Amino acid sequence: MTLDEVKRRLSEAGYQIEREDRLGNDTGTQLRFRDGGVVNVFDNGNFKLSG
């Protein structure tokens, strides 16, 4: 799944992205939400939920 797809789906589900940063190892992007949730979206299409 691409970063844009993840952002669209999360937005449609009512989540509001507070911050978007490139990961320190340059393998993807980290999305942080107002409720403290974190989603790492990797360039290879994988993603990981935390927070």
C-alpha atoms as a PDB file:
ATOM      1  CA  MET A   1       0.000   0.000   0.000  1.00  0.00           C
ATOM      2  CA  THR A   2       1.386   3.423  -0.865  1.00  0.00           C
ATOM      3  CA  LEU A   3       1.667   6.335   1.550  1.00  0.00           C
ATOM      4  CA  ASP A   4      -1.150   8.152  -0.256  1.00  0.00           C
ATOM      5  CA  GLU A   5      -3.425   5.104   0.008  1.00  0.00           C
ATOM      6  CA  VAL A   6      -2.746   4.751   3.730  1.00  0.00           C
ATOM      7  CA  LYS A   7      -3.365   8.456   4.337  1.00  0.00           C
ATOM      8  CA  ARG A   8      -6.613   8.368   2.338  1.00  0.00           C
ATOM      9  CA  ARG A   9      -7.961   5.323   4.154  1.00  0.00           C
ATOM     10  CA  LEU A  10      -7.066   6.673   7.576  1.00  0.00           C
ATOM     11  CA  SER A  11      -8.643  10.024   6.736  1.00  0.00           C
ATOM     12  CA  GLU A  12     -11.816   8.295   5.539  1.00  0.00           C
ATOM     13  CA  ALA A  13     -11.916   6.432   8.870  1.00  0.00           C
ATOM     14  CA  GLY A  14     -11.802   9.742  10.760  1.00  0.00           C
ATOM     15  CA  TYR A  15      -8.169   9.811  11.850  1.00  0.00           C
ATOM     16  CA  GLN A  16      -6.402  13.173  11.777  1.00  0.00           C
ATOM     17  CA  ILE A  17      -2.699  13.178  11.017  1.00  0.00           C
ATOM     18  CA  GLU A  18      -0.855  15.535  13.335  1.00  0.00           C
ATOM     19  CA  ARG A  19       2.647  15.014  11.971  1.00  0.00           C
ATOM     20  CA  GLU A  20       4.316  13.332   8.990  1.00  0.00           C
ATOM     21  CA  ASP A  21       8.081  12.696   8.952  1.00  0.00           C
ATOM     22  CA  ARG A  22      10.525  10.638   6.933  1.00  0.00           C
ATOM     23  CA  LEU A  23      11.935   7.734   8.974  1.00  0.00           C
ATOM     24  CA  GLY A  24      15.504   8.233  10.189  1.00  0.00           C
ATOM     25  CA  ASN A  25      16.759   5.269   8.158  1.00  0.00           C
ATOM     26  CA  ASP A  26      15.059   6.667   5.007  1.00  0.00           C
ATOM     27  CA  THR A  27      12.980   3.525   4.399  1.00  0.00           C
ATOM     28  CA  GLY A  28       9.545   5.119   4.742  1.00  0.00           C
ATOM     29  CA  THR A  29       7.347   7.691   6.448  1.00  0.00           C
ATOM     30  CA  GLN A  30       5.996   7.939   9.994  1.00  0.00           C
ATOM     31  CA  LEU A  31       2.479   9.280  10.542  1.00  0.00           C
ATOM     32  CA  ARG A  32       1.568  10.485  14.043  1.00  0.00           C
ATOM     33  CA  PHE A  33      -2.011  11.077  15.130  1.00  0.00           C
ATOM     34  CA  ARG A  34      -3.645  13.326  17.706  1.00  0.00           C
ATOM     35  CA  ASP A  35      -4.608  10.338  19.839  1.00  0.00           C
ATOM     36  CA  GLY A  36      -0.967   9.192  20.087  1.00  0.00           C
ATOM     37  CA  GLY A  37      -1.178   6.489  17.441  1.00  0.00           C
ATOM     38  CA  VAL A  38       1.717   5.946  15.057  1.00  0.00           C
ATOM     39  CA  VAL A  39       1.789   4.303  11.632  1.00  0.00           C
ATOM     40  CA  ASN A  40       5.055   3.630   9.850  1.00  0.00           C
ATOM     41  CA  VAL A  41       4.530   3.278   6.094  1.00  0.00           C
ATOM     42  CA  PHE A  42       7.509   1.731   4.328  1.00  0.00           C
ATOM     43  CA  ASP A  43       8.557   2.362   0.744  1.00  0.00           C
ATOM     44  CA  ASN A  44       8.177  -1.361  -0.058  1.00  0.00           C
ATOM     45  CA  GLY A  45       4.418  -1.191   0.659  1.00  0.00           C
ATOM     46  CA  ASN A  46       4.468  -2.614   4.195  1.00  0.00           C
ATOM     47  CA  PHE A  47       3.164  -0.729   7.197  1.00  0.00           C
ATOM     48  CA  LYS A  48       3.319  -1.104  10.974  1.00  0.00           C
ATOM     49  CA  LEU A  49       0.884   0.224  13.583  1.00  0.00           C
ATOM     50  CA  SER A  50       1.959   1.262  17.073  1.00  0.00           C
ATOM     51  CA  GLY A  51       1.170   3.673  19.865  1.00  0.00           C
END
